[in-house]
């Protein structure tokens, strides 16, 4: 059931990214969009923290399919530059009733297929610019990123089990506001 839920949550962002990749890169990759996404994302985190959703799914294995789909829809927001993929899926899961740790675990597991698919998509689009000699560099980068993520996930899970996400909200708001101010 867990892997089916990951597949269900994967589909909305994968389909949207595939269909609108060019439009997103052409129109949304700019400083004002990134800065506003940072600020708005921070505000959303604060609102969800204030609302304190009722935990209906304490474990990642408790998540029903419709909730997995909701997390997948939240992940679509991460296609907007400046929106954190993990932030969107963690807060989406938390708002939909997952515990902090279950939402965080689901988000990090969901990162594997979506990042793998995005990497393959970008590699396919730039295949003419790459050579076989580049493959070891990509493989090494992918392996290092994966191992680093595993190390960070353990520490992050320990943190979120006892703390609010508000510190991340304020970081986003301050950084986004500074970016807006510096880009004027």
N, C-alpha and C. Protein backbone atom coordinates (compact mmCIF):
# COMPACT_ATOMS: atom_id res chain seq x y z
N UNK A 1 0.83 -1.20 0.00
CA UNK A 1 0.00 0.00 0.00
C UNK A 1 0.87 1.26 0.00
N UNK A 2 1.97 1.24 0.76
CA UNK A 2 2.84 2.41 0.84
C UNK A 2 3.40 2.78 -0.53
N UNK A 3 3.89 1.79 -1.28
CA UNK A 3 4.47 2.08 -2.59
C UNK A 3 3.41 2.53 -3.59
N UNK A 4 2.21 2.01 -3.46
CA UNK A 4 1.10 2.48 -4.29
C UNK A 4 0.80 3.94 -3.98
N UNK A 5 0.82 4.29 -2.70
CA UNK A 5 0.60 5.69 -2.30
C UNK A 5 1.67 6.61 -2.87
N UNK A 6 2.92 6.15 -2.87
CA UNK A 6 3.99 6.95 -3.46
C UNK A 6 3.74 7.15 -4.95
N UNK A 7 3.30 6.10 -5.63
CA UNK A 7 3.01 6.21 -7.06
C UNK A 7 1.86 7.18 -7.30
N UNK A 8 0.83 7.11 -6.48
CA UNK A 8 -0.32 8.02 -6.62
C UNK A 8 0.12 9.46 -6.39
N UNK A 9 0.95 9.69 -5.38
CA UNK A 9 1.41 11.05 -5.07
C UNK A 9 2.39 11.57 -6.11
N UNK A 10 3.07 10.67 -6.80
CA UNK A 10 4.05 11.04 -7.83
C UNK A 10 3.37 11.61 -9.08
N UNK A 11 2.23 11.06 -9.45
CA UNK A 11 1.60 11.35 -10.75
C UNK A 11 1.26 12.83 -10.97
N UNK A 12 0.62 13.55 -10.03
CA UNK A 12 0.24 14.93 -10.35
C UNK A 12 1.41 15.84 -10.73
N UNK A 13 2.49 15.81 -9.96
CA UNK A 13 3.64 16.68 -10.26
C UNK A 13 4.37 16.20 -11.50
N UNK A 14 4.48 14.89 -11.68
CA UNK A 14 5.16 14.36 -12.86
C UNK A 14 4.41 14.76 -14.12
N UNK A 15 3.10 14.60 -14.12
CA UNK A 15 2.30 14.95 -15.30
C UNK A 15 2.33 16.45 -15.55
N UNK A 16 2.16 17.24 -14.50
CA UNK A 16 2.17 18.70 -14.65
C UNK A 16 3.54 19.18 -15.10
N UNK A 17 4.59 18.65 -14.50
CA UNK A 17 5.95 19.03 -14.90
C UNK A 17 6.24 18.68 -16.34
N UNK A 18 5.81 17.50 -16.76
CA UNK A 18 6.03 17.07 -18.14
C UNK A 18 5.28 17.99 -19.12
N UNK A 19 4.04 18.32 -18.80
CA UNK A 19 3.22 19.13 -19.71
C UNK A 19 3.62 20.60 -19.74
N UNK A 20 4.06 21.14 -18.60
CA UNK A 20 4.29 22.58 -18.51
C UNK A 20 5.75 22.96 -18.25
N UNK A 21 6.68 22.03 -18.43
CA UNK A 21 8.10 22.27 -18.17
C UNK A 21 8.60 23.52 -18.88
N UNK A 22 8.37 23.62 -20.17
CA UNK A 22 8.84 24.76 -20.95
C UNK A 22 8.23 26.07 -20.49
N UNK A 23 6.95 26.06 -20.25
CA UNK A 23 6.25 27.28 -19.82
C UNK A 23 6.77 27.74 -18.46
N UNK A 24 6.96 26.80 -17.55
CA UNK A 24 7.46 27.14 -16.22
C UNK A 24 8.85 27.73 -16.31
N UNK A 25 9.73 27.11 -17.08
CA UNK A 25 11.10 27.63 -17.22
C UNK A 25 11.11 29.00 -17.87
N UNK A 26 10.26 29.20 -18.87
CA UNK A 26 10.25 30.47 -19.60
C UNK A 26 9.63 31.62 -18.80
N UNK A 27 8.62 31.34 -18.01
CA UNK A 27 7.87 32.42 -17.38
C UNK A 27 8.04 32.56 -15.87
N UNK A 28 8.41 31.51 -15.20
CA UNK A 28 8.43 31.57 -13.74
C UNK A 28 9.83 31.59 -13.13
N UNK A 29 10.85 31.36 -13.92
CA UNK A 29 12.21 31.38 -13.37
C UNK A 29 12.74 32.80 -13.37
N UNK A 30 12.29 33.59 -12.37
CA UNK A 30 12.78 34.95 -12.21
C UNK A 30 12.74 35.31 -10.72
N UNK A 31 13.49 36.33 -10.38
CA UNK A 31 13.66 36.70 -8.97
C UNK A 31 12.35 37.06 -8.27
N UNK A 32 11.48 37.89 -8.87
CA UNK A 32 10.23 38.21 -8.15
C UNK A 32 9.37 36.98 -7.83
N UNK A 33 9.28 36.04 -8.76
CA UNK A 33 8.48 34.83 -8.51
C UNK A 33 9.10 34.02 -7.37
N UNK A 34 10.42 33.86 -7.39
CA UNK A 34 11.09 33.11 -6.33
C UNK A 34 10.88 33.80 -4.98
N UNK A 35 11.08 35.11 -4.94
CA UNK A 35 10.93 35.85 -3.68
C UNK A 35 9.50 35.76 -3.15
N UNK A 36 8.53 35.96 -4.01
CA UNK A 36 7.13 35.88 -3.58
C UNK A 36 6.76 34.47 -3.13
N UNK A 37 7.28 33.47 -3.81
CA UNK A 37 7.03 32.08 -3.41
C UNK A 37 7.61 31.80 -2.03
N UNK A 38 8.79 32.33 -1.78
CA UNK A 38 9.40 32.16 -0.46
C UNK A 38 8.52 32.77 0.63
N UNK A 39 8.09 34.01 0.41
CA UNK A 39 7.28 34.70 1.41
C UNK A 39 5.93 34.01 1.59
N UNK A 40 5.23 33.74 0.49
CA UNK A 40 3.92 33.10 0.59
C UNK A 40 4.01 31.71 1.21
N UNK A 41 5.05 30.96 0.86
CA UNK A 41 5.25 29.64 1.46
C UNK A 41 5.44 29.74 2.97
N UNK A 42 6.19 30.76 3.40
CA UNK A 42 6.38 30.97 4.83
C UNK A 42 5.08 31.30 5.54
N UNK A 43 4.27 32.13 4.91
CA UNK A 43 2.97 32.48 5.50
C UNK A 43 2.08 31.25 5.60
N UNK A 44 2.07 30.43 4.56
CA UNK A 44 1.27 29.20 4.57
C UNK A 44 1.72 28.28 5.71
N UNK A 45 3.01 28.14 5.90
CA UNK A 45 3.52 27.30 7.00
C UNK A 45 3.02 27.83 8.34
N UNK A 46 3.11 29.15 8.54
CA UNK A 46 2.64 29.74 9.80
C UNK A 46 1.14 29.50 10.00
N UNK A 47 0.36 29.64 8.93
CA UNK A 47 -1.09 29.42 9.04
C UNK A 47 -1.40 27.96 9.39
N UNK A 48 -0.72 27.03 8.75
CA UNK A 48 -0.96 25.61 9.05
C UNK A 48 -0.53 25.30 10.48
N UNK A 49 0.59 25.87 10.92
CA UNK A 49 1.03 25.65 12.29
C UNK A 49 0.02 26.22 13.29
N UNK A 50 -0.54 27.37 12.98
CA UNK A 50 -1.52 27.99 13.87
C UNK A 50 -2.81 27.15 13.92
N UNK A 51 -3.20 26.62 12.77
CA UNK A 51 -4.40 25.81 12.64
C UNK A 51 -4.25 24.47 13.36
N UNK A 52 -3.05 23.95 13.42
CA UNK A 52 -2.72 22.67 14.07
C UNK A 52 -3.71 21.57 13.68
N UNK A 53 -3.53 21.01 12.50
CA UNK A 53 -4.45 19.97 12.04
C UNK A 53 -4.50 18.77 13.00
N UNK A 54 -5.65 18.12 13.03
CA UNK A 54 -5.82 16.91 13.84
C UNK A 54 -5.05 15.77 13.17
N UNK A 55 -4.25 15.07 13.95
CA UNK A 55 -3.47 13.95 13.41
C UNK A 55 -4.40 12.73 13.29
N UNK A 56 -4.64 12.33 12.05
CA UNK A 56 -5.45 11.14 11.79
C UNK A 56 -4.59 9.96 11.35
N UNK A 57 -3.38 10.27 10.90
CA UNK A 57 -2.49 9.24 10.37
C UNK A 57 -1.12 9.38 11.04
N UNK A 58 -0.94 8.73 12.20
CA UNK A 58 0.33 8.89 12.93
C UNK A 58 1.52 8.23 12.25
N UNK A 59 1.27 7.20 11.46
CA UNK A 59 2.36 6.49 10.78
C UNK A 59 2.23 6.64 9.27
N UNK A 60 3.35 6.62 8.59
CA UNK A 60 3.36 6.79 7.13
C UNK A 60 2.59 5.65 6.45
N UNK A 61 2.51 4.51 7.07
CA UNK A 61 1.78 3.37 6.49
C UNK A 61 0.27 3.48 6.68
N UNK A 62 -0.20 4.46 7.46
CA UNK A 62 -1.63 4.65 7.71
C UNK A 62 -2.31 5.50 6.64
N UNK A 63 -1.55 6.11 5.76
CA UNK A 63 -2.08 7.10 4.81
C UNK A 63 -3.00 6.44 3.77
N UNK A 64 -4.24 6.94 3.65
CA UNK A 64 -5.12 6.41 2.60
C UNK A 64 -4.75 6.98 1.23
N UNK A 65 -5.23 6.34 0.19
CA UNK A 65 -4.87 6.74 -1.17
C UNK A 65 -5.32 8.16 -1.50
N UNK A 66 -6.50 8.55 -1.06
CA UNK A 66 -6.98 9.90 -1.38
C UNK A 66 -6.09 10.96 -0.73
N UNK A 67 -5.55 10.67 0.44
CA UNK A 67 -4.63 11.60 1.10
C UNK A 67 -3.30 11.64 0.36
N UNK A 68 -2.84 10.49 -0.12
CA UNK A 68 -1.62 10.46 -0.93
C UNK A 68 -1.79 11.32 -2.17
N UNK A 69 -2.97 11.25 -2.79
CA UNK A 69 -3.24 12.09 -3.95
C UNK A 69 -3.21 13.57 -3.57
N UNK A 70 -3.75 13.91 -2.41
CA UNK A 70 -3.71 15.29 -1.93
C UNK A 70 -2.28 15.78 -1.73
N UNK A 71 -1.42 14.93 -1.21
CA UNK A 71 -0.01 15.28 -1.05
C UNK A 71 0.63 15.48 -2.43
N UNK A 72 0.25 14.64 -3.38
CA UNK A 72 0.74 14.80 -4.75
C UNK A 72 0.31 16.12 -5.36
N UNK A 73 -0.91 16.54 -5.09
CA UNK A 73 -1.39 17.83 -5.59
C UNK A 73 -0.59 18.96 -4.93
N UNK A 74 -0.31 18.82 -3.63
CA UNK A 74 0.52 19.82 -2.95
C UNK A 74 1.90 19.89 -3.59
N UNK A 75 2.41 18.75 -4.01
CA UNK A 75 3.73 18.72 -4.65
C UNK A 75 3.76 19.49 -5.97
N UNK A 76 2.63 19.60 -6.64
CA UNK A 76 2.55 20.38 -7.88
C UNK A 76 2.99 21.83 -7.63
N UNK A 77 2.67 22.35 -6.44
CA UNK A 77 3.07 23.72 -6.11
C UNK A 77 4.58 23.90 -6.15
N UNK A 78 5.31 22.83 -5.91
CA UNK A 78 6.77 22.93 -5.90
C UNK A 78 7.36 23.14 -7.28
N UNK A 79 6.54 23.05 -8.31
CA UNK A 79 7.02 23.36 -9.66
C UNK A 79 7.21 24.86 -9.84
N UNK A 80 6.63 25.65 -8.94
CA UNK A 80 6.83 27.10 -8.95
C UNK A 80 8.17 27.38 -8.28
N UNK A 81 9.10 28.02 -8.99
CA UNK A 81 10.41 28.31 -8.40
C UNK A 81 10.27 29.08 -7.08
N UNK A 82 11.06 28.68 -6.11
CA UNK A 82 11.00 29.30 -4.79
C UNK A 82 10.12 28.53 -3.83
N UNK A 83 9.40 27.55 -4.35
CA UNK A 83 8.57 26.69 -3.50
C UNK A 83 9.34 25.41 -3.24
N UNK A 84 9.52 25.09 -2.00
CA UNK A 84 10.26 23.89 -1.63
C UNK A 84 9.41 22.65 -1.87
N UNK A 85 9.97 21.68 -2.57
CA UNK A 85 9.24 20.43 -2.81
C UNK A 85 8.95 19.74 -1.48
N UNK A 86 9.98 19.64 -0.66
CA UNK A 86 9.76 18.98 0.63
C UNK A 86 8.82 19.80 1.51
N UNK A 87 8.96 21.11 1.48
CA UNK A 87 8.07 21.96 2.26
C UNK A 87 6.62 21.81 1.83
N UNK A 88 6.38 21.79 0.52
CA UNK A 88 5.01 21.66 0.00
C UNK A 88 4.41 20.31 0.39
N UNK A 89 5.20 19.25 0.27
CA UNK A 89 4.65 17.92 0.56
C UNK A 89 4.54 17.66 2.06
N UNK A 90 5.49 18.15 2.83
CA UNK A 90 5.40 17.98 4.29
C UNK A 90 4.20 18.75 4.83
N UNK A 91 4.07 20.01 4.44
CA UNK A 91 2.97 20.81 4.95
C UNK A 91 1.63 20.33 4.38
N UNK A 92 1.64 19.86 3.13
CA UNK A 92 0.42 19.28 2.56
C UNK A 92 -0.01 18.05 3.35
N UNK A 93 0.94 17.17 3.64
CA UNK A 93 0.64 15.98 4.42
C UNK A 93 0.19 16.31 5.83
N UNK A 94 0.86 17.27 6.45
CA UNK A 94 0.51 17.69 7.81
C UNK A 94 -0.90 18.28 7.83
N UNK A 95 -1.20 19.13 6.86
CA UNK A 95 -2.54 19.74 6.78
C UNK A 95 -3.62 18.69 6.52
N UNK A 96 -3.25 17.61 5.84
CA UNK A 96 -4.22 16.55 5.53
C UNK A 96 -4.32 15.48 6.62
N UNK A 97 -3.64 15.69 7.75
CA UNK A 97 -3.83 14.81 8.89
C UNK A 97 -2.69 13.87 9.23
N UNK A 98 -1.57 13.94 8.51
CA UNK A 98 -0.42 13.12 8.88
C UNK A 98 0.27 13.76 10.07
N UNK A 99 0.87 12.94 10.92
CA UNK A 99 1.70 13.49 11.99
C UNK A 99 2.90 14.18 11.35
N UNK A 100 3.59 15.00 12.12
CA UNK A 100 4.78 15.68 11.58
C UNK A 100 5.79 14.67 11.04
N UNK A 101 6.05 13.62 11.80
CA UNK A 101 7.05 12.66 11.35
C UNK A 101 6.56 11.86 10.15
N UNK A 102 5.28 11.48 10.12
CA UNK A 102 4.75 10.73 8.97
C UNK A 102 4.77 11.60 7.72
N UNK A 103 4.41 12.88 7.86
CA UNK A 103 4.44 13.79 6.71
C UNK A 103 5.87 13.95 6.19
N UNK A 104 6.82 14.06 7.11
CA UNK A 104 8.22 14.22 6.72
C UNK A 104 8.75 12.95 6.05
N UNK A 105 8.45 11.80 6.63
CA UNK A 105 8.88 10.54 6.02
C UNK A 105 8.30 10.36 4.63
N UNK A 106 7.00 10.61 4.49
CA UNK A 106 6.35 10.45 3.18
C UNK A 106 6.99 11.38 2.16
N UNK A 107 7.25 12.61 2.57
CA UNK A 107 7.86 13.59 1.68
C UNK A 107 9.23 13.14 1.20
N UNK A 108 10.05 12.63 2.10
CA UNK A 108 11.39 12.22 1.71
C UNK A 108 11.37 10.97 0.83
N UNK A 109 10.48 10.05 1.10
CA UNK A 109 10.35 8.89 0.21
C UNK A 109 9.84 9.32 -1.16
N UNK A 110 8.92 10.27 -1.18
CA UNK A 110 8.36 10.76 -2.44
C UNK A 110 9.40 11.50 -3.27
N UNK A 111 10.42 12.03 -2.62
CA UNK A 111 11.48 12.74 -3.35
C UNK A 111 12.23 11.82 -4.31
N UNK A 112 12.35 10.57 -3.96
CA UNK A 112 13.15 9.65 -4.78
C UNK A 112 12.60 9.52 -6.19
N UNK A 113 11.34 9.14 -6.38
CA UNK A 113 10.86 9.01 -7.77
C UNK A 113 10.74 10.33 -8.50
N UNK A 114 10.35 11.40 -7.82
CA UNK A 114 10.14 12.67 -8.53
C UNK A 114 11.48 13.26 -8.96
N UNK A 115 12.50 13.18 -8.12
CA UNK A 115 13.81 13.72 -8.50
C UNK A 115 14.47 12.85 -9.56
N UNK A 116 14.28 11.55 -9.46
CA UNK A 116 14.82 10.64 -10.47
C UNK A 116 14.17 10.93 -11.83
N UNK A 117 12.86 11.09 -11.84
CA UNK A 117 12.14 11.38 -13.09
C UNK A 117 12.55 12.73 -13.66
N UNK A 118 12.69 13.74 -12.81
CA UNK A 118 13.09 15.07 -13.28
C UNK A 118 14.49 15.04 -13.86
N UNK A 119 15.39 14.29 -13.22
CA UNK A 119 16.75 14.17 -13.73
C UNK A 119 16.77 13.47 -15.08
N UNK A 120 16.04 12.37 -15.19
CA UNK A 120 15.96 11.66 -16.48
C UNK A 120 15.38 12.55 -17.57
N UNK A 121 14.35 13.31 -17.22
CA UNK A 121 13.72 14.21 -18.20
C UNK A 121 14.71 15.26 -18.69
N UNK A 122 15.42 15.89 -17.76
CA UNK A 122 16.42 16.90 -18.15
C UNK A 122 17.56 16.28 -18.95
N UNK A 123 17.99 15.08 -18.56
CA UNK A 123 19.05 14.40 -19.31
C UNK A 123 18.59 14.08 -20.73
N UNK A 124 17.36 13.62 -20.87
CA UNK A 124 16.84 13.30 -22.20
C UNK A 124 16.75 14.55 -23.07
N UNK A 125 16.37 15.67 -22.47
CA UNK A 125 16.24 16.93 -23.22
C UNK A 125 17.60 17.49 -23.62
N UNK A 126 18.64 17.17 -22.87
CA UNK A 126 19.96 17.70 -23.19
C UNK A 126 20.93 16.59 -23.60
N UNK A 127 20.39 15.53 -24.15
CA UNK A 127 21.21 14.37 -24.53
C UNK A 127 22.30 14.74 -25.53
N UNK A 128 22.04 15.65 -26.43
CA UNK A 128 23.03 16.05 -27.43
C UNK A 128 24.22 16.77 -26.83
N UNK A 129 24.03 17.39 -25.69
CA UNK A 129 25.11 18.14 -25.05
C UNK A 129 25.94 17.28 -24.11
N UNK A 130 25.54 16.04 -23.90
CA UNK A 130 26.23 15.16 -22.97
C UNK A 130 26.97 14.06 -23.71
N UNK A 131 27.99 13.54 -23.05
CA UNK A 131 28.71 12.40 -23.62
C UNK A 131 28.74 11.27 -22.60
N UNK A 132 29.19 10.12 -23.02
CA UNK A 132 29.30 8.98 -22.11
C UNK A 132 30.26 9.28 -20.96
N UNK A 133 31.21 10.17 -21.20
CA UNK A 133 32.17 10.53 -20.15
C UNK A 133 31.49 11.28 -19.00
N UNK A 134 30.31 11.88 -19.26
CA UNK A 134 29.59 12.61 -18.22
C UNK A 134 28.84 11.70 -17.25
N UNK A 135 28.55 10.48 -17.66
CA UNK A 135 27.74 9.56 -16.86
C UNK A 135 28.31 9.33 -15.46
N UNK A 136 29.62 9.07 -15.31
CA UNK A 136 30.14 8.86 -13.95
C UNK A 136 29.95 10.09 -13.05
N UNK A 137 30.02 11.28 -13.61
CA UNK A 137 29.82 12.49 -12.81
C UNK A 137 28.39 12.57 -12.30
N UNK A 138 27.44 12.27 -13.18
CA UNK A 138 26.04 12.29 -12.78
C UNK A 138 25.76 11.19 -11.75
N UNK A 139 26.30 10.01 -11.97
CA UNK A 139 26.09 8.90 -11.05
C UNK A 139 26.68 9.21 -9.67
N UNK A 140 27.87 9.80 -9.65
CA UNK A 140 28.50 10.17 -8.39
C UNK A 140 27.68 11.24 -7.67
N UNK A 141 27.25 12.24 -8.41
CA UNK A 141 26.42 13.30 -7.83
C UNK A 141 25.13 12.75 -7.25
N UNK A 142 24.50 11.86 -7.98
CA UNK A 142 23.25 11.26 -7.51
C UNK A 142 23.49 10.44 -6.24
N UNK A 143 24.55 9.65 -6.22
CA UNK A 143 24.86 8.81 -5.06
C UNK A 143 25.18 9.66 -3.83
N UNK A 144 25.99 10.70 -4.01
CA UNK A 144 26.34 11.57 -2.88
C UNK A 144 25.10 12.28 -2.35
N UNK A 145 24.26 12.77 -3.26
CA UNK A 145 23.02 13.44 -2.83
C UNK A 145 22.12 12.48 -2.06
N UNK A 146 22.02 11.24 -2.52
CA UNK A 146 21.17 10.26 -1.86
C UNK A 146 21.67 9.95 -0.45
N UNK A 147 22.97 9.70 -0.31
CA UNK A 147 23.54 9.39 1.00
C UNK A 147 23.41 10.60 1.93
N UNK A 148 23.67 11.79 1.41
CA UNK A 148 23.52 13.01 2.21
C UNK A 148 22.09 13.17 2.70
N UNK A 149 21.14 12.90 1.82
CA UNK A 149 19.73 13.01 2.19
C UNK A 149 19.38 12.03 3.32
N UNK A 150 19.90 10.82 3.25
CA UNK A 150 19.63 9.85 4.31
C UNK A 150 20.14 10.32 5.66
N UNK A 151 21.32 10.93 5.67
CA UNK A 151 21.90 11.44 6.91
C UNK A 151 21.05 12.60 7.45
N UNK A 152 20.67 13.50 6.57
CA UNK A 152 19.89 14.67 6.98
C UNK A 152 18.49 14.27 7.44
N UNK A 153 17.89 13.30 6.78
CA UNK A 153 16.53 12.87 7.12
C UNK A 153 16.45 12.41 8.57
N UNK A 154 17.41 11.64 9.01
CA UNK A 154 17.38 11.14 10.38
C UNK A 154 17.39 12.30 11.38
N UNK A 155 18.26 13.27 11.18
CA UNK A 155 18.33 14.42 12.08
C UNK A 155 17.05 15.26 11.98
N UNK A 156 16.55 15.43 10.76
CA UNK A 156 15.35 16.24 10.56
C UNK A 156 14.13 15.58 11.21
N UNK A 157 14.02 14.26 11.11
CA UNK A 157 12.90 13.56 11.75
C UNK A 157 12.93 13.75 13.27
N UNK A 158 14.12 13.69 13.84
CA UNK A 158 14.25 13.92 15.28
C UNK A 158 13.82 15.34 15.63
N UNK A 159 14.18 16.30 14.79
CA UNK A 159 13.82 17.70 15.04
C UNK A 159 12.31 17.90 14.97
N UNK A 160 11.69 17.45 13.87
CA UNK A 160 10.26 17.74 13.66
C UNK A 160 9.36 17.00 14.64
N UNK A 161 9.84 15.94 15.24
CA UNK A 161 9.00 15.23 16.21
C UNK A 161 8.79 16.06 17.48
N UNK A 162 9.65 17.05 17.71
CA UNK A 162 9.56 17.86 18.93
C UNK A 162 9.45 19.36 18.70
N UNK A 163 9.47 19.80 17.45
CA UNK A 163 9.48 21.24 17.18
C UNK A 163 8.48 21.60 16.08
N UNK A 164 8.11 22.85 16.08
CA UNK A 164 7.22 23.40 15.06
C UNK A 164 8.01 23.67 13.78
N UNK A 165 7.29 23.85 12.69
CA UNK A 165 7.91 24.22 11.42
C UNK A 165 8.08 25.75 11.30
N UNK A 166 7.71 26.49 12.34
CA UNK A 166 7.71 27.96 12.27
C UNK A 166 9.08 28.54 11.93
N UNK A 167 10.15 27.94 12.42
CA UNK A 167 11.48 28.47 12.12
C UNK A 167 11.74 28.48 10.62
N UNK A 168 11.23 27.47 9.90
CA UNK A 168 11.39 27.43 8.45
C UNK A 168 10.52 28.50 7.78
N UNK A 169 9.37 28.76 8.37
CA UNK A 169 8.48 29.80 7.84
C UNK A 169 9.16 31.16 7.93
N UNK A 170 9.70 31.47 9.09
CA UNK A 170 10.34 32.78 9.27
C UNK A 170 11.59 32.92 8.40
N UNK A 171 12.33 31.85 8.25
CA UNK A 171 13.49 31.87 7.35
C UNK A 171 13.04 32.22 5.94
N UNK A 172 11.98 31.58 5.47
CA UNK A 172 11.48 31.83 4.11
C UNK A 172 11.00 33.27 3.96
N UNK A 173 10.28 33.76 4.95
CA UNK A 173 9.74 35.12 4.87
C UNK A 173 10.87 36.14 4.85
N UNK A 174 11.83 36.01 5.74
CA UNK A 174 12.96 36.96 5.80
C UNK A 174 13.79 36.89 4.53
N UNK A 175 14.11 35.68 4.09
CA UNK A 175 14.92 35.52 2.88
C UNK A 175 14.18 36.04 1.65
N UNK A 176 12.90 35.74 1.53
CA UNK A 176 12.11 36.22 0.40
C UNK A 176 11.99 37.73 0.38
N UNK A 177 11.76 38.34 1.55
CA UNK A 177 11.67 39.80 1.64
C UNK A 177 13.01 40.44 1.28
N UNK A 178 14.11 39.87 1.76
CA UNK A 178 15.43 40.39 1.42
C UNK A 178 15.69 40.28 -0.07
N UNK A 179 15.30 39.18 -0.66
CA UNK A 179 15.48 38.98 -2.10
C UNK A 179 14.66 40.00 -2.89
N UNK A 180 13.43 40.25 -2.46
CA UNK A 180 12.61 41.27 -3.12
C UNK A 180 13.26 42.64 -3.01
N UNK A 181 13.75 42.96 -1.81
CA UNK A 181 14.35 44.27 -1.59
C UNK A 181 15.63 44.43 -2.42
N UNK A 182 16.47 43.40 -2.47
CA UNK A 182 17.72 43.47 -3.22
C UNK A 182 17.50 43.50 -4.74
N UNK A 183 16.40 42.98 -5.20
CA UNK A 183 16.16 42.89 -6.65
C UNK A 183 15.43 44.10 -7.22
N UNK A 184 15.12 45.07 -6.40
CA UNK A 184 14.36 46.23 -6.92
C UNK A 184 15.22 47.17 -7.69
